[in-house]
Amino acid sequence: MANSSADRMFTHDLTLADDGAVSFACSQDQDEWPWLALHPHHPIALQNIQYWVSVETGRARGTFDGTKWTAITWTRWECGDANAGNPVRGISEILTEGGKIQSQLTFYDCHDAVVSVMRFKGVEFRTRDFEAWREKAKQSSGKTVSLSAFDFAAAKAVGSENIGPSFLSSLGNGPPPYARGLMAMDNAFPPAHPTMSGSGDHVNSTHLAEAAHQFFHLLEDGKPLRIARGEMWFTHYVELGRPFRIELTGRDGTSASAMVTQGGHDCTRITMELAAA
């Protein structure tokens, strides 16, 4: 997605250390950032905060170019205690794992308890004609479908009651278990979904994390769940307004994995550890 405007900031009191780490304080304004009303381990809250803080701390260390388009390619997160509150401060660090550079965000609540730790990698499109390339990619991802023509599961069945609309159908006739999904500007962005955000160019990481969150609720017959940790790999854009499929690819104890496909492409692989809410 394109980088956010410096006129709207989630972080404040940013301090750059000699080693490139950036410490910061977090906004507590739920009117400005509605997803702060969610549990801080909800995938929507986690992915939203990752985006805004990564952009703002990258800008603080001078490594983020707001004129370029970027895309996340991988992210992994671990959540702290279930009773952790909203993050009030954090630190952004640049780390190396396996010879590759990663970014890490660590968030703390008002009692200095760890709320979450997130790692991620991405790419910046420096020379590609991004807009022309994206338009061609959209045409290869299937036909658009109106929301009124799609049969969505109930919000309660996908764990989104009082949060936002369902993005998924009921479970299909597997095996393996699967559901169809559809996200568009009119159901996956405010005002229809008050706690969601994104670039508006495609289905973003926040949307995909919530799609998996809803899918795993379907598998558990709508039982309340908390995601204790998760990991996502992004290999192909998922387009707005076009149906996609999410399918269970593995289950091991409390851990479940799924693949999102669209237009014949494997797009996003997602693993989450499920805990009772």
Protein backbone atom coordinates (compact mmCIF):
# COMPACT_ATOMS: atom_id res chain seq x y z
CA MET A 1 0.00 0.00 0.00
CA ALA A 2 1.03 3.62 -0.27
CA ASN A 3 2.52 5.11 2.84
CA SER A 4 0.33 7.00 5.28
CA SER A 5 0.32 10.77 5.53
CA ALA A 6 2.54 12.37 8.15
CA ASP A 7 -0.44 14.58 9.04
CA ARG A 8 -2.11 11.64 10.79
CA MET A 9 0.02 9.95 13.43
CA PHE A 10 -0.73 7.06 15.76
CA THR A 11 2.63 7.42 17.55
CA HIS A 12 4.10 10.38 19.39
CA ASP A 13 7.24 11.21 21.39
CA LEU A 14 9.39 9.21 18.95
CA THR A 15 13.05 8.91 19.98
CA LEU A 16 15.75 7.56 17.66
CA ALA A 17 18.66 5.73 19.33
CA ASP A 18 22.19 5.43 17.92
CA ASP A 19 21.55 1.79 16.91
CA GLY A 20 18.49 2.75 14.85
CA ALA A 21 15.89 1.63 17.39
CA VAL A 22 12.92 3.96 17.73
CA SER A 23 10.96 4.19 20.96
CA PHE A 24 7.51 5.77 20.92
CA ALA A 25 4.27 6.34 22.76
CA CYS A 26 0.90 5.18 21.35
CA SER A 27 -2.29 7.14 20.90
CA GLN A 28 -5.23 6.17 23.12
CA ASP A 29 -7.81 8.06 21.04
CA GLN A 30 -10.51 5.55 20.09
CA ASP A 31 -12.38 8.15 18.04
CA GLU A 32 -9.36 8.58 15.79
CA TRP A 33 -8.35 4.89 15.91
CA PRO A 34 -11.57 2.85 16.36
CA TRP A 35 -9.75 -0.50 16.41
CA LEU A 36 -8.38 0.42 19.85
CA ALA A 37 -11.83 -0.62 21.14
CA LEU A 38 -10.99 -4.23 20.21
CA HIS A 39 -9.01 -6.62 22.38
CA PRO A 40 -5.34 -5.77 21.64
CA HIS A 41 -4.78 -9.35 20.43
CA HIS A 42 -7.56 -9.19 17.85
CA PRO A 43 -6.01 -9.60 14.37
CA ILE A 44 -7.57 -6.34 13.17
CA ALA A 45 -5.98 -4.41 16.03
CA LEU A 46 -2.62 -6.16 15.58
CA GLN A 47 -2.37 -5.60 11.84
CA ASN A 48 -3.56 -2.01 12.02
CA ILE A 49 -1.01 -1.09 14.67
CA GLN A 50 1.76 -2.87 12.77
CA TYR A 51 1.07 -0.83 9.65
CA TRP A 52 0.87 2.59 11.27
CA VAL A 53 3.80 2.11 13.63
CA SER A 54 6.08 0.59 10.98
CA VAL A 55 5.46 3.53 8.65
CA GLU A 56 5.89 6.18 11.34
CA THR A 57 9.02 4.69 12.92
CA GLY A 58 10.50 4.07 9.48
CA ARG A 59 9.95 7.71 8.69
CA ALA A 60 11.60 8.66 12.00
CA ARG A 61 14.80 6.75 11.13
CA GLY A 62 14.76 8.04 7.54
CA THR A 63 14.36 4.65 5.86
CA PHE A 64 10.77 5.01 4.62
CA ASP A 65 10.02 6.79 1.33
CA GLY A 66 6.42 7.99 1.35
CA THR A 67 6.38 8.39 -2.44
CA LYS A 68 6.89 4.66 -3.10
CA TRP A 69 4.44 1.77 -2.99
CA THR A 70 5.26 -1.02 -0.56
CA ALA A 71 4.03 -4.53 0.17
CA ILE A 72 4.45 -6.80 3.16
CA THR A 73 5.70 -10.29 2.27
CA TRP A 74 5.81 -11.99 5.70
CA THR A 75 4.79 -11.32 9.27
CA ARG A 76 4.85 -13.24 12.54
CA TRP A 77 3.48 -12.19 15.91
CA GLU A 78 3.21 -13.45 19.46
CA CYS A 79 0.77 -12.11 22.02
CA GLY A 80 1.35 -11.57 25.70
CA ASP A 81 -1.00 -12.46 28.52
CA ALA A 82 -4.69 -12.48 27.64
CA ASN A 83 -5.30 -9.79 30.27
CA ALA A 84 -2.88 -7.31 28.70
CA GLY A 85 -4.30 -3.87 28.03
CA ASN A 86 -3.95 -1.63 25.00
CA PRO A 87 -0.38 -0.68 24.14
CA VAL A 88 0.74 2.68 25.50
CA ARG A 89 4.36 2.54 24.32
CA GLY A 90 6.71 0.44 22.25
CA ILE A 91 10.02 0.07 20.46
CA SER A 92 10.83 -0.55 16.79
CA GLU A 93 14.05 -2.43 16.04
CA ILE A 94 15.85 -3.65 12.93
CA LEU A 95 17.06 -7.23 13.39
CA THR A 96 18.82 -9.88 11.32
CA GLU A 97 17.64 -13.50 11.19
CA GLY A 98 19.14 -16.04 8.82
CA GLY A 99 21.13 -13.32 7.15
CA LYS A 100 18.01 -11.32 6.28
CA ILE A 101 16.87 -8.01 7.72
CA GLN A 102 13.57 -7.92 9.60
CA SER A 103 11.67 -5.28 11.50
CA GLN A 104 10.41 -5.98 15.03
CA LEU A 105 7.81 -4.08 17.03
CA THR A 106 7.32 -4.69 20.75
CA PHE A 107 4.36 -3.14 22.56
CA TYR A 108 3.75 -2.63 26.30
CA ASP A 109 0.62 -1.74 28.24
CA CYS A 110 0.30 0.77 31.09
CA HIS A 111 1.60 -1.84 33.56
CA ASP A 112 4.70 -2.53 31.40
CA ALA A 113 3.36 -5.97 30.47
CA VAL A 114 4.17 -7.14 26.93
CA VAL A 115 1.08 -6.82 24.74
CA SER A 116 2.56 -8.27 21.54
CA VAL A 117 5.77 -8.76 19.60
CA MET A 118 5.60 -8.54 15.81
CA ARG A 119 8.19 -9.25 13.13
CA PHE A 120 7.80 -8.59 9.43
CA LYS A 121 9.51 -8.15 6.06
CA GLY A 122 8.40 -6.32 2.95
CA VAL A 123 9.38 -4.91 -0.42
CA GLU A 124 9.40 -1.43 -1.90
CA PHE A 125 8.50 -0.94 -5.57
CA ARG A 126 11.21 1.45 -6.77
CA THR A 127 11.22 1.19 -10.58
CA ARG A 128 8.10 -0.77 -11.59
CA ASP A 129 5.12 1.10 -13.12
CA PHE A 130 3.07 0.01 -10.13
CA GLU A 131 -0.32 1.34 -11.23
CA ALA A 132 -0.17 -0.26 -14.70
CA TRP A 133 1.11 -3.55 -13.26
CA ARG A 134 -1.66 -3.60 -10.66
CA GLU A 135 -4.38 -2.99 -13.22
CA LYS A 136 -3.18 -5.99 -15.26
CA ALA A 137 -3.00 -8.15 -12.12
CA LYS A 138 -6.58 -7.32 -11.18
CA GLN A 139 -7.89 -8.58 -14.49
CA SER A 140 -6.28 -12.01 -13.91
CA SER A 141 -8.04 -12.57 -10.55
CA GLY A 142 -11.56 -13.38 -11.72
CA LYS A 143 -14.74 -11.44 -12.29
CA THR A 144 -16.17 -8.94 -9.85
CA VAL A 145 -19.24 -10.01 -7.87
CA SER A 146 -21.72 -7.73 -6.11
CA LEU A 147 -22.13 -8.11 -2.35
CA SER A 148 -25.88 -8.61 -2.80
CA ALA A 149 -25.21 -11.73 -4.90
CA PHE A 150 -23.00 -13.35 -2.26
CA ASP A 151 -24.36 -15.53 0.55
CA PHE A 152 -22.47 -14.49 3.69
CA ALA A 153 -22.44 -16.49 6.93
CA ALA A 154 -23.87 -14.80 10.00
CA ALA A 155 -21.54 -12.41 11.81
CA LYS A 156 -21.93 -14.43 15.02
CA ALA A 157 -20.82 -17.62 13.26
CA VAL A 158 -17.54 -16.00 12.18
CA GLY A 159 -16.82 -14.27 15.49
CA SER A 160 -17.42 -10.73 14.23
CA GLU A 161 -20.71 -9.89 15.94
CA ASN A 162 -20.62 -6.27 17.18
CA ILE A 163 -17.30 -5.78 15.38
CA GLY A 164 -18.08 -5.76 11.67
CA PRO A 165 -19.67 -7.75 8.85
CA SER A 166 -18.93 -11.30 7.88
CA PHE A 167 -16.58 -11.67 4.90
CA LEU A 168 -17.16 -15.41 4.41
CA SER A 169 -19.76 -17.90 3.33
CA SER A 170 -20.73 -20.86 5.47
CA LEU A 171 -18.38 -23.85 5.26
CA GLY A 172 -18.42 -25.68 1.95
CA ASN A 173 -18.71 -29.40 1.40
CA GLY A 174 -15.10 -30.47 1.99
CA PRO A 175 -12.84 -32.21 2.70
CA PRO A 176 -10.85 -30.20 3.33
CA PRO A 177 -13.05 -27.60 5.06
CA TYR A 178 -13.25 -24.34 3.12
CA ALA A 179 -15.28 -21.17 2.74
CA ARG A 180 -15.66 -18.60 0.01
CA GLY A 181 -15.06 -14.94 0.75
CA LEU A 182 -15.72 -11.53 -0.72
CA MET A 183 -14.36 -8.15 0.38
CA ALA A 184 -15.12 -4.83 -1.27
CA MET A 185 -15.06 -1.15 -0.40
CA ASP A 186 -18.68 -1.42 0.75
CA ASN A 187 -18.14 -4.12 3.39
CA ALA A 188 -14.44 -4.15 4.29
CA PHE A 189 -13.84 -0.45 5.00
CA PRO A 190 -15.50 2.20 7.15
CA PRO A 191 -18.31 2.95 7.67
CA ALA A 192 -19.53 -0.62 6.95
CA HIS A 193 -16.62 -2.03 8.97
CA PRO A 194 -15.74 0.66 11.53
CA THR A 195 -12.49 -0.88 12.81
CA MET A 196 -10.97 -1.86 9.46
CA SER A 197 -8.53 0.14 7.35
CA GLY A 198 -6.37 -0.36 4.29
CA SER A 199 -5.05 1.16 1.10
CA GLY A 200 -8.23 0.58 -0.92
CA ASP A 201 -6.10 -0.83 -3.75
CA HIS A 202 -6.43 -4.49 -2.75
CA VAL A 203 -7.27 -6.80 0.15
CA ASN A 204 -4.65 -5.84 2.73
CA SER A 205 -2.91 -7.85 5.47
CA THR A 206 -5.46 -6.65 8.04
CA HIS A 207 -8.30 -8.02 5.90
CA LEU A 208 -6.55 -11.33 5.33
CA ALA A 209 -5.79 -11.81 9.01
CA GLU A 210 -9.45 -11.19 9.77
CA ALA A 211 -10.51 -13.60 7.00
CA ALA A 212 -8.49 -16.35 8.70
CA HIS A 213 -9.82 -15.28 12.09
CA GLN A 214 -13.39 -15.62 10.79
CA PHE A 215 -12.62 -18.95 9.08
CA PHE A 216 -11.24 -20.51 12.24
CA HIS A 217 -14.36 -19.35 14.09
CA LEU A 218 -16.45 -21.15 11.47
CA LEU A 219 -14.44 -24.32 12.12
CA GLU A 220 -15.18 -23.94 15.84
CA ASP A 221 -18.93 -23.33 15.32
CA GLY A 222 -18.59 -19.68 16.31
CA LYS A 223 -17.00 -20.38 19.72
CA PRO A 224 -15.15 -17.28 21.01
CA LEU A 225 -11.42 -17.51 20.24
CA ARG A 226 -8.28 -15.52 21.00
CA ILE A 227 -5.35 -15.74 18.61
CA ALA A 228 -2.27 -16.29 20.77
CA ARG A 229 0.20 -16.14 17.87
CA GLY A 230 0.19 -16.15 14.12
CA GLU A 231 2.22 -16.05 10.92
CA MET A 232 1.35 -15.01 7.36
CA TRP A 233 3.19 -15.35 4.04
CA PHE A 234 2.04 -13.18 1.12
CA THR A 235 2.82 -14.32 -2.44
CA HIS A 236 0.06 -12.79 -4.59
CA TYR A 237 -2.33 -9.89 -4.17
CA VAL A 238 -5.95 -10.66 -3.28
CA GLU A 239 -8.24 -8.28 -5.16
CA LEU A 240 -11.23 -6.38 -3.84
CA GLY A 241 -14.65 -7.21 -5.26
CA ARG A 242 -13.62 -10.65 -6.49
CA PRO A 243 -14.44 -13.88 -4.62
CA PHE A 244 -11.63 -15.82 -2.96
CA ARG A 245 -11.40 -19.19 -1.23
CA ILE A 246 -9.90 -19.99 2.17
CA GLU A 247 -9.16 -23.64 2.86
CA LEU A 248 -7.84 -25.54 5.86
CA THR A 249 -4.39 -26.95 5.09
CA GLY A 250 -3.39 -28.33 8.48
CA ARG A 251 -4.40 -28.78 12.10
CA ASP A 252 -2.09 -29.73 14.96
CA GLY A 253 -3.46 -29.38 18.46
CA THR A 254 -4.41 -25.74 18.92
CA SER A 255 -2.59 -24.61 15.76
CA ALA A 256 -4.46 -24.33 12.44
CA SER A 257 -3.26 -23.32 8.96
CA ALA A 258 -5.14 -22.10 5.91
CA MET A 259 -4.47 -20.98 2.34
CA VAL A 260 -6.21 -18.11 0.58
CA THR A 261 -6.54 -18.55 -3.18
CA GLN A 262 -8.07 -16.36 -5.88
CA GLY A 263 -8.20 -16.68 -9.65
CA GLY A 264 -6.12 -19.85 -9.59
CA HIS A 265 -3.33 -18.22 -7.54
CA ASP A 266 -2.08 -19.23 -4.09
CA CYS A 267 -2.11 -15.82 -2.42
CA THR A 268 -1.66 -16.00 1.35
CA ARG A 269 -0.66 -18.78 3.74
CA ILE A 270 -1.77 -18.24 7.33
CA THR A 271 -1.10 -20.12 10.58
CA MET A 272 -2.68 -19.19 13.90
CA GLU A 273 -2.65 -20.65 17.38
CA LEU A 274 -6.17 -20.69 18.76
CA ALA A 275 -6.97 -20.16 22.45
CA ALA A 276 -10.29 -19.82 24.23
CA ALA A 277 -11.30 -16.19 24.57
